[in-house]
């Protein structure tokens, strides 16, 4: 199992030092998420200041960028990083697409499928000289002149991961992608009984095998070395779980465990802005399913046990790596993941 981390730097000037420290400590990969900042810009600096780690987006929002723009960004990053780039895409939700990002919301699964296929059509054109002739429901892409063709390079097989929770997105990942970003609000049972069967359905459509797709996630953990810090971690995790569980798009995870009534109550509280009340609805039973607790040194073995049987290929902690904070703990955790 690969052990990664997510960079949450708010300033691009911080990325070089963060990257060097992450690689020196022994992390396998660096993900950048798209919240208050662009997800792709930091990856240029990550590529420049590393030699080994995988680097990618977890996730970049797909629809505000055309397939061509995504294809160009990924092509240049793959060349600059010498094949270490992963393009992680997600749809976000309707409200953010329309009201924050200013783009049309339409058939997200079908449209994301076309985005993926169109990106690969560009890459095939640039690498192999194939005529650009992509004709779908959402995109008609037929023009590529020499002036706009970046030409081939040595790392054309760029992995695409997508974020998925529900049936159609999981099946799309299995059919077309090299990876799936499993949402942090998950349980081992959800992966085994829901995510993997739907991924398998998608894999079978193309005659693919489980080994051709990687499952990656960010796991909720509570390090227990320091009693007071453990309480703070636990409080933060309860708050985050309550927020995610209030979201209708993630309801399947709650339904699988028979917690639909709690999810409904959380949605009601969220609609009224009663955020402080929500964590009280997250029971110890739920915490046991969603969260791994233990000392920094114990966490790797516990995570490997939780996701045994090939449930995960890559994992990171919901706790971001911050230089100078808990470095002894991070070293202990990394040592655990580096053991066979």
Protein backbone atom coordinates (compact mmCIF):
# COMPACT_ATOMS: atom_id res chain seq x y z
CA UNK A 1 0.00 0.00 0.00
CA UNK A 2 1.36 3.40 -1.04
CA UNK A 3 1.27 6.19 1.54
CA UNK A 4 0.68 9.70 0.23
CA UNK A 5 -0.06 13.15 1.56
CA UNK A 6 -2.06 16.18 0.49
CA UNK A 7 -0.46 19.60 0.28
CA UNK A 8 -2.62 22.38 1.69
CA UNK A 9 -0.23 25.27 1.11
CA UNK A 10 -2.02 28.59 0.69
CA UNK A 11 0.98 30.20 -1.00
CA UNK A 12 2.84 28.84 -4.01
CA UNK A 13 6.09 29.99 -2.47
CA UNK A 14 5.66 27.29 0.20
CA UNK A 15 5.45 24.42 -2.30
CA UNK A 16 9.17 23.87 -3.02
CA UNK A 17 10.13 23.40 0.64
CA UNK A 18 7.07 21.28 1.37
CA UNK A 19 7.80 19.06 -1.61
CA UNK A 20 11.43 18.51 -0.68
CA UNK A 21 10.51 17.58 2.89
CA UNK A 22 7.72 15.23 1.83
CA UNK A 23 9.98 13.38 -0.57
CA UNK A 24 12.87 13.24 1.90
CA UNK A 25 10.63 11.73 4.58
CA UNK A 26 9.57 8.95 2.24
CA UNK A 27 5.99 9.64 1.18
CA UNK A 28 5.02 7.93 -2.08
CA UNK A 29 2.82 10.64 -3.53
CA UNK A 30 1.66 14.22 -3.28
CA UNK A 31 -1.93 15.26 -4.01
CA UNK A 32 -3.23 18.78 -4.43
CA UNK A 33 -6.92 19.50 -3.95
CA UNK A 34 -8.95 22.28 -5.50
CA UNK A 35 -10.73 24.34 -2.87
CA UNK A 36 -9.59 27.94 -2.46
CA UNK A 37 -6.73 27.62 -4.98
CA UNK A 38 -6.06 26.14 -8.40
CA UNK A 39 -5.08 22.46 -8.25
CA UNK A 40 -2.66 22.32 -11.18
CA UNK A 41 -0.34 25.28 -10.58
CA UNK A 42 1.33 23.75 -7.48
CA UNK A 43 2.10 20.56 -9.40
CA UNK A 44 4.59 22.40 -11.61
CA UNK A 45 6.58 23.27 -8.50
CA UNK A 46 6.13 19.77 -7.06
CA UNK A 47 7.54 18.32 -10.27
CA UNK A 48 10.45 20.76 -10.25
CA UNK A 49 11.46 20.05 -6.66
CA UNK A 50 11.07 16.26 -6.57
CA UNK A 51 12.52 13.28 -8.38
CA UNK A 52 10.51 10.29 -7.16
CA UNK A 53 7.02 10.98 -5.83
CA UNK A 54 3.82 10.58 -7.79
CA UNK A 55 2.04 13.93 -8.14
CA UNK A 56 -1.56 14.60 -8.96
CA UNK A 57 -4.84 16.36 -8.34
CA UNK A 58 -7.33 15.08 -5.82
CA UNK A 59 -9.31 16.50 -7.37
CA UNK A 60 -9.46 19.21 -10.05
CA UNK A 61 -12.98 20.20 -11.08
CA UNK A 62 -13.48 19.01 -14.63
CA UNK A 63 -16.23 21.07 -16.21
CA UNK A 64 -14.88 24.66 -15.83
CA UNK A 65 -11.96 23.54 -18.03
CA UNK A 66 -12.50 22.30 -21.56
CA UNK A 67 -11.13 18.86 -22.52
CA UNK A 68 -8.51 20.64 -24.62
CA UNK A 69 -7.26 22.76 -21.73
CA UNK A 70 -7.13 19.70 -19.45
CA UNK A 71 -5.28 17.76 -22.13
CA UNK A 72 -2.67 20.51 -22.63
CA UNK A 73 -2.07 20.92 -18.88
CA UNK A 74 -1.69 17.19 -18.32
CA UNK A 75 0.55 16.76 -21.39
CA UNK A 76 3.00 19.41 -20.24
CA UNK A 77 2.99 18.18 -16.62
CA UNK A 78 3.59 14.58 -17.69
CA UNK A 79 6.57 15.65 -19.78
CA UNK A 80 8.02 17.92 -17.10
CA UNK A 81 7.60 15.34 -14.32
CA UNK A 82 8.87 12.54 -16.57
CA UNK A 83 5.75 10.47 -16.27
CA UNK A 84 4.91 10.99 -12.60
CA UNK A 85 1.68 12.97 -13.12
CA UNK A 86 -1.83 11.71 -12.35
CA UNK A 87 -4.83 13.75 -13.49
CA UNK A 88 -7.53 13.42 -10.83
CA UNK A 89 -10.89 14.82 -11.92
CA UNK A 90 -14.21 15.33 -10.22
CA UNK A 91 -17.55 16.88 -11.08
CA UNK A 92 -18.25 18.86 -7.90
CA UNK A 93 -21.97 19.46 -7.30
CA UNK A 94 -24.57 21.43 -9.21
CA UNK A 95 -24.61 24.50 -6.98
CA UNK A 96 -20.86 25.05 -7.15
CA UNK A 97 -20.71 24.52 -10.91
CA UNK A 98 -23.51 26.97 -11.57
CA UNK A 99 -23.21 29.54 -8.81
CA UNK A 100 -19.47 29.57 -7.99
CA UNK A 101 -17.75 28.37 -11.14
CA UNK A 102 -20.24 29.75 -13.65
CA UNK A 103 -20.60 26.70 -15.88
CA UNK A 104 -23.54 24.69 -17.12
CA UNK A 105 -24.59 21.60 -15.15
CA UNK A 106 -25.74 18.76 -17.39
CA UNK A 107 -25.63 14.97 -17.15
CA UNK A 108 -22.42 14.91 -15.08
CA UNK A 109 -21.53 11.24 -15.56
CA UNK A 110 -22.10 11.29 -19.31
CA UNK A 111 -20.25 14.59 -19.67
CA UNK A 112 -17.28 13.43 -17.59
CA UNK A 113 -17.08 10.32 -19.79
CA UNK A 114 -16.71 12.60 -22.83
CA UNK A 115 -14.12 14.75 -21.08
CA UNK A 116 -11.98 11.65 -20.46
CA UNK A 117 -12.38 10.29 -23.98
CA UNK A 118 -11.75 13.70 -25.54
CA UNK A 119 -8.56 14.21 -23.54
CA UNK A 120 -7.29 10.88 -24.80
CA UNK A 121 -8.22 11.83 -28.35
CA UNK A 122 -5.97 14.90 -28.05
CA UNK A 123 -3.13 12.81 -26.61
CA UNK A 124 -3.46 10.24 -29.39
CA UNK A 125 -3.39 13.04 -31.95
CA UNK A 126 -0.26 14.61 -30.49
CA UNK A 127 1.60 11.38 -29.87
CA UNK A 128 0.69 9.36 -32.95
CA UNK A 129 -0.40 11.91 -35.52
CA UNK A 130 -3.96 10.58 -35.48
CA UNK A 131 -6.51 12.97 -36.96
CA UNK A 132 -8.47 14.73 -34.21
CA UNK A 133 -12.06 13.67 -34.77
CA UNK A 134 -13.95 13.49 -31.50
CA UNK A 135 -17.71 13.80 -31.88
CA UNK A 136 -19.85 13.43 -28.78
CA UNK A 137 -23.02 14.81 -27.31
CA UNK A 138 -21.25 17.65 -25.48
CA UNK A 139 -18.05 18.18 -27.47
CA UNK A 140 -17.22 18.27 -31.19
CA UNK A 141 -13.44 18.47 -31.51
CA UNK A 142 -12.03 18.23 -35.03
CA UNK A 143 -9.45 20.98 -35.43
CA UNK A 144 -5.75 20.49 -34.72
CA UNK A 145 -3.23 22.34 -36.87
CA UNK A 146 0.57 22.06 -36.49
CA UNK A 147 0.79 25.42 -34.74
CA UNK A 148 -1.34 24.13 -31.86
CA UNK A 149 0.09 20.61 -31.71
CA UNK A 150 2.70 20.24 -28.92
CA UNK A 151 4.03 17.05 -30.48
CA UNK A 152 4.96 13.72 -28.91
CA UNK A 153 6.98 13.00 -25.80
CA UNK A 154 8.19 9.97 -23.86
CA UNK A 155 5.38 9.83 -21.27
CA UNK A 156 2.10 9.79 -23.23
CA UNK A 157 0.22 7.27 -21.06
CA UNK A 158 -1.14 9.67 -18.47
CA UNK A 159 -3.26 8.08 -15.71
CA UNK A 160 -6.70 9.56 -15.11
CA UNK A 161 -8.38 9.09 -11.74
CA UNK A 162 -11.90 10.28 -11.00
CA UNK A 163 -13.69 10.88 -7.72
CA UNK A 164 -16.73 8.70 -7.27
CA UNK A 165 -19.21 7.67 -4.59
CA UNK A 166 -22.26 6.34 -6.39
CA UNK A 167 -22.94 3.57 -8.88
CA UNK A 168 -22.58 5.33 -12.23
CA UNK A 169 -19.35 7.16 -11.39
CA UNK A 170 -17.78 3.99 -9.96
CA UNK A 171 -18.69 2.07 -13.11
CA UNK A 172 -17.24 4.85 -15.26
CA UNK A 173 -13.98 4.64 -13.31
CA UNK A 174 -13.82 0.89 -13.83
CA UNK A 175 -14.49 1.26 -17.53
CA UNK A 176 -12.18 4.13 -18.47
CA UNK A 177 -9.83 5.16 -15.65
CA UNK A 178 -6.59 4.08 -14.06
CA UNK A 179 -7.74 5.10 -10.60
CA UNK A 180 -10.63 6.10 -8.37
CA UNK A 181 -10.50 8.58 -5.52
CA UNK A 182 -12.74 7.05 -2.84
CA UNK A 183 -14.37 9.78 -0.77
CA UNK A 184 -13.11 10.18 2.83
CA UNK A 185 -16.63 9.38 4.05
CA UNK A 186 -16.34 5.65 3.51
CA UNK A 187 -16.10 2.41 5.42
CA UNK A 188 -14.36 -0.85 4.58
CA UNK A 189 -17.81 -2.38 4.13
CA UNK A 190 -18.78 0.32 1.63
CA UNK A 191 -15.66 -0.38 -0.45
CA UNK A 192 -16.08 -4.15 -0.32
CA UNK A 193 -19.84 -4.42 -0.79
CA UNK A 194 -20.61 -1.38 -2.93
CA UNK A 195 -17.62 0.31 -4.56
CA UNK A 196 -15.71 -2.76 -5.73
CA UNK A 197 -18.72 -4.55 -7.31
CA UNK A 198 -19.59 -1.43 -9.32
CA UNK A 199 -15.98 -0.92 -10.31
CA UNK A 200 -15.92 -4.56 -11.43
CA UNK A 201 -18.98 -3.98 -13.61
CA UNK A 202 -17.13 -1.16 -15.35
CA UNK A 203 -13.94 -3.20 -15.66
CA UNK A 204 -15.80 -6.07 -17.30
CA UNK A 205 -17.20 -3.73 -19.98
CA UNK A 206 -13.68 -3.29 -21.32
CA UNK A 207 -12.30 -6.71 -20.37
CA UNK A 208 -10.09 -5.14 -17.74
CA UNK A 209 -8.74 -6.63 -14.51
CA UNK A 210 -8.78 -5.27 -10.95
CA UNK A 211 -5.02 -4.71 -11.15
CA UNK A 212 -5.55 -2.13 -13.89
CA UNK A 213 -7.17 0.38 -11.54
CA UNK A 214 -5.91 1.84 -8.27
CA UNK A 215 -8.15 2.70 -5.33
CA UNK A 216 -6.94 5.75 -3.43
CA UNK A 217 -8.48 7.47 -0.43
CA UNK A 218 -7.91 9.88 2.41
CA UNK A 219 -8.59 8.14 5.71
CA UNK A 220 -9.86 9.67 8.92
CA UNK A 221 -7.36 8.91 11.69
CA UNK A 222 -7.02 9.86 15.35
CA UNK A 223 -3.42 9.59 16.61
CA UNK A 224 -3.55 8.80 20.32
CA UNK A 225 0.04 9.45 21.47
CA UNK A 226 -0.97 12.68 23.20
CA UNK A 227 -4.26 12.52 25.12
CA UNK A 228 -5.18 16.17 24.67
CA UNK A 229 -4.25 16.21 20.99
CA UNK A 230 -6.24 13.01 20.49
CA UNK A 231 -9.34 14.75 21.85
CA UNK A 232 -8.79 17.61 19.43
CA UNK A 233 -8.31 15.22 16.49
CA UNK A 234 -11.46 13.32 17.45
CA UNK A 235 -13.53 16.49 17.72
CA UNK A 236 -12.34 17.61 14.30
CA UNK A 237 -13.11 14.25 12.75
CA UNK A 238 -16.62 14.18 14.24
CA UNK A 239 -17.27 17.62 12.81
CA UNK A 240 -16.04 16.64 9.36
CA UNK A 241 -17.95 13.36 9.29
CA UNK A 242 -21.14 15.14 10.32
CA UNK A 243 -20.68 17.65 7.50
CA UNK A 244 -20.06 15.01 4.84
CA UNK A 245 -22.86 12.77 6.12
CA UNK A 246 -25.33 15.63 5.79
CA UNK A 247 -24.72 15.76 2.03
CA UNK A 248 -27.32 13.87 -0.03
CA UNK A 249 -24.73 12.88 -2.65
CA UNK A 250 -22.92 10.75 -0.06
CA UNK A 251 -26.06 9.18 1.39
CA UNK A 252 -25.32 5.67 0.09
CA UNK A 253 -22.61 5.16 2.72
CA UNK A 254 -25.01 5.99 5.53
CA UNK A 255 -27.80 3.90 4.03
CA UNK A 256 -25.57 0.85 3.77
CA UNK A 257 -25.08 0.88 7.54
CA UNK A 258 -28.69 1.69 8.43
CA UNK A 259 -27.96 5.28 9.41
CA UNK A 260 -30.36 7.01 7.02
CA UNK A 261 -32.33 8.61 9.84
CA UNK A 262 -29.18 10.22 11.23
CA UNK A 263 -28.23 11.44 7.76
CA UNK A 264 -31.66 13.06 7.39
CA UNK A 265 -31.32 14.78 10.74
CA UNK A 266 -27.85 16.02 9.80
CA UNK A 267 -29.17 17.42 6.52
CA UNK A 268 -31.91 19.23 8.42
CA UNK A 269 -29.41 20.78 10.84
CA UNK A 270 -27.08 21.76 8.00
CA UNK A 271 -29.90 23.50 6.13
CA UNK A 272 -30.49 25.61 9.23
CA UNK A 273 -26.79 26.33 9.76
CA UNK A 274 -26.67 24.48 13.08
CA UNK A 275 -23.16 23.18 12.51
CA UNK A 276 -22.26 22.95 16.20
CA UNK A 277 -25.12 20.54 16.86
CA UNK A 278 -24.20 18.11 14.11
CA UNK A 279 -21.17 16.29 15.61
CA UNK A 280 -23.31 15.14 18.56
CA UNK A 281 -25.20 12.86 16.17
CA UNK A 282 -22.06 10.95 15.20
CA UNK A 283 -22.12 7.88 17.43
CA UNK A 284 -19.19 5.82 18.70
CA UNK A 285 -20.37 3.01 16.42
CA UNK A 286 -20.05 5.32 13.43
CA UNK A 287 -16.64 6.54 14.57
CA UNK A 288 -15.45 2.94 14.76
CA UNK A 289 -16.45 2.40 11.13
CA UNK A 290 -15.16 5.67 9.69
CA UNK A 291 -12.03 6.28 11.78
CA UNK A 292 -8.79 4.46 12.59
CA UNK A 293 -7.36 5.27 16.03
CA UNK A 294 -3.98 4.41 17.48
CA UNK A 295 -0.52 5.80 18.03
CA UNK A 296 1.29 7.21 15.04
CA UNK A 297 3.36 4.02 14.96
CA UNK A 298 0.29 1.76 15.24
CA UNK A 299 -1.79 3.42 12.54
CA UNK A 300 -0.13 1.79 9.51
CA UNK A 301 -0.76 -1.77 10.70
CA UNK A 302 -4.32 -0.91 11.66
CA UNK A 303 -4.97 0.67 8.26
CA UNK A 304 -3.47 -2.29 6.43
CA UNK A 305 -5.70 -4.60 8.46
CA UNK A 306 -8.82 -2.52 7.84
CA UNK A 307 -8.28 -2.47 4.09
CA UNK A 308 -6.85 -5.98 3.77
CA UNK A 309 -7.74 -8.06 0.76
CA UNK A 310 -7.01 -5.41 -1.84
CA UNK A 311 -9.57 -2.83 -0.76
CA UNK A 312 -7.06 0.00 -1.22
CA UNK A 313 -3.86 0.68 -3.15
CA UNK A 314 -3.02 4.18 -1.93
CA UNK A 315 -3.93 6.02 1.26
CA UNK A 316 -3.24 9.33 2.92
CA UNK A 317 -4.38 10.78 6.24
CA UNK A 318 -7.06 13.44 6.47
CA UNK A 319 -4.51 15.20 8.68
CA UNK A 320 -2.28 17.23 6.34
CA UNK A 321 1.48 17.08 6.63
CA UNK A 322 2.76 20.39 8.02
CA UNK A 323 6.55 20.78 8.42
CA UNK A 324 7.51 21.10 12.07
CA UNK A 325 4.26 19.59 13.36
CA UNK A 326 4.27 16.00 14.66
CA UNK A 327 7.35 15.12 12.64
CA UNK A 328 8.24 12.27 15.02
CA UNK A 329 4.75 10.91 14.51
CA UNK A 330 4.95 11.18 10.75
CA UNK A 331 8.29 9.39 10.76
CA UNK A 332 6.84 6.59 12.89
CA UNK A 333 3.88 6.25 10.53
CA UNK A 334 6.06 6.28 7.43
CA UNK A 335 8.28 3.58 8.91
CA UNK A 336 5.18 1.43 9.39
CA UNK A 337 4.05 1.83 5.80
CA UNK A 338 7.52 1.09 4.49
CA UNK A 339 7.56 -2.30 6.21
CA UNK A 340 6.50 -5.29 4.12
